[in-house]
């Protein structure tokens, strides 16, 4: 939950932070891009570190580092200092998500793994639904710095919880050494594999369609829909509600449909949601609820597909699950950083362009999936 909390909690504070720090809205957008770029770069190492040192210690260490970085954001004296601490947040935030996927696959296989991955996706979806709502209320009570203080306290509690309750699932006998040349060779092997590349791109494009709206939230909510800092839930509740519904659906389909059939169903749901989103954006003026509700249906399809796509990738590398999880997360986050820094500022103030951009990303994901499906091993 740290990742989405780090992005979504301070969306309602964009204006207040910009005024306090003396920077433009475009500059404030870089607080997302810098965070995601650092997250993506470090994501290449979280998984291999856990392959070498076990799963438990990296999660605890990086969660504590995230707490320190969040405290730095809370006390940042200027915008450039804030960017430095945001980068440190990004470097630390991915450990739970990336190593957590490897833990699931350490313990479970087949339908059981898909069900648990779906449950994790469901819990993951709670954070971005709650974060902007909590952020909006905290902004009124304690100012924007209190949002980062909340993140610091939350991560301290998480690290203590993991210290007391998280078991080690990767025994010493199964560990591989952490070294630059072998790691480069592993990643080179993965990137040369056509199916690995395509599965990674599918997840990247799918989630990018939703993340475009997440990154555009301040402009869409405050400028286009003319809502207040406490009304971000109008966008995030439908979007994340859709993701949670998709995760539940994925768990119900585990063992009843093949992985390919599950992803095909997910794309049908995404197609319906995309058509509704485009229709509302092109035919109706911006307003509630039609500007935000179709995004939830797109989220159902994205979340229904993701657990299956993640497991298909992890199962290709049983000896290097952490590295495989890192590779997928890194590409997704780099792409999200580009969306936040380049695409969202161009499209956010124009609902039709925003819907068109999301539709294009979903279409790219579907086309790459069709290329990947022919390479899947027989069920």
Foldseek 3Di string as FASTA:
>chain_A
DLVLLLQQQCLLVLVVVCVVQVHDSLLSLVLQLLLLQLLLVLLLPLQLVCLAPFLQVLLLVLLLQLLVLLLQCLPPPHDVSNSVSSSSNSNRVCNCVLSVLVLLVLVDDALSSLLVLLVVLLVVLVNNLVNLLNSLVVCVVPNNSVSSNVSSVVSVVVSVCSVVDPDTSNDNVLGDHDDDPVSVVVVVVQVVDLLSVLLLLLLQLLVLLLLLCVLLQSCQACPQAVHHSNPSSLASVLQSVLLNLLSVVLSVCGPVDDLLVQLVVLLVQLVVLLVQQLCCQVPHGDYPPSNHNSNSSSNSSSNNNPSSSLSLQLVVCVSRSSSSSSNSSSSNSNSSSCSSNPVSVVPSNRSNSSSVSSVVSSVVSVVSVVVSVVVRDDD
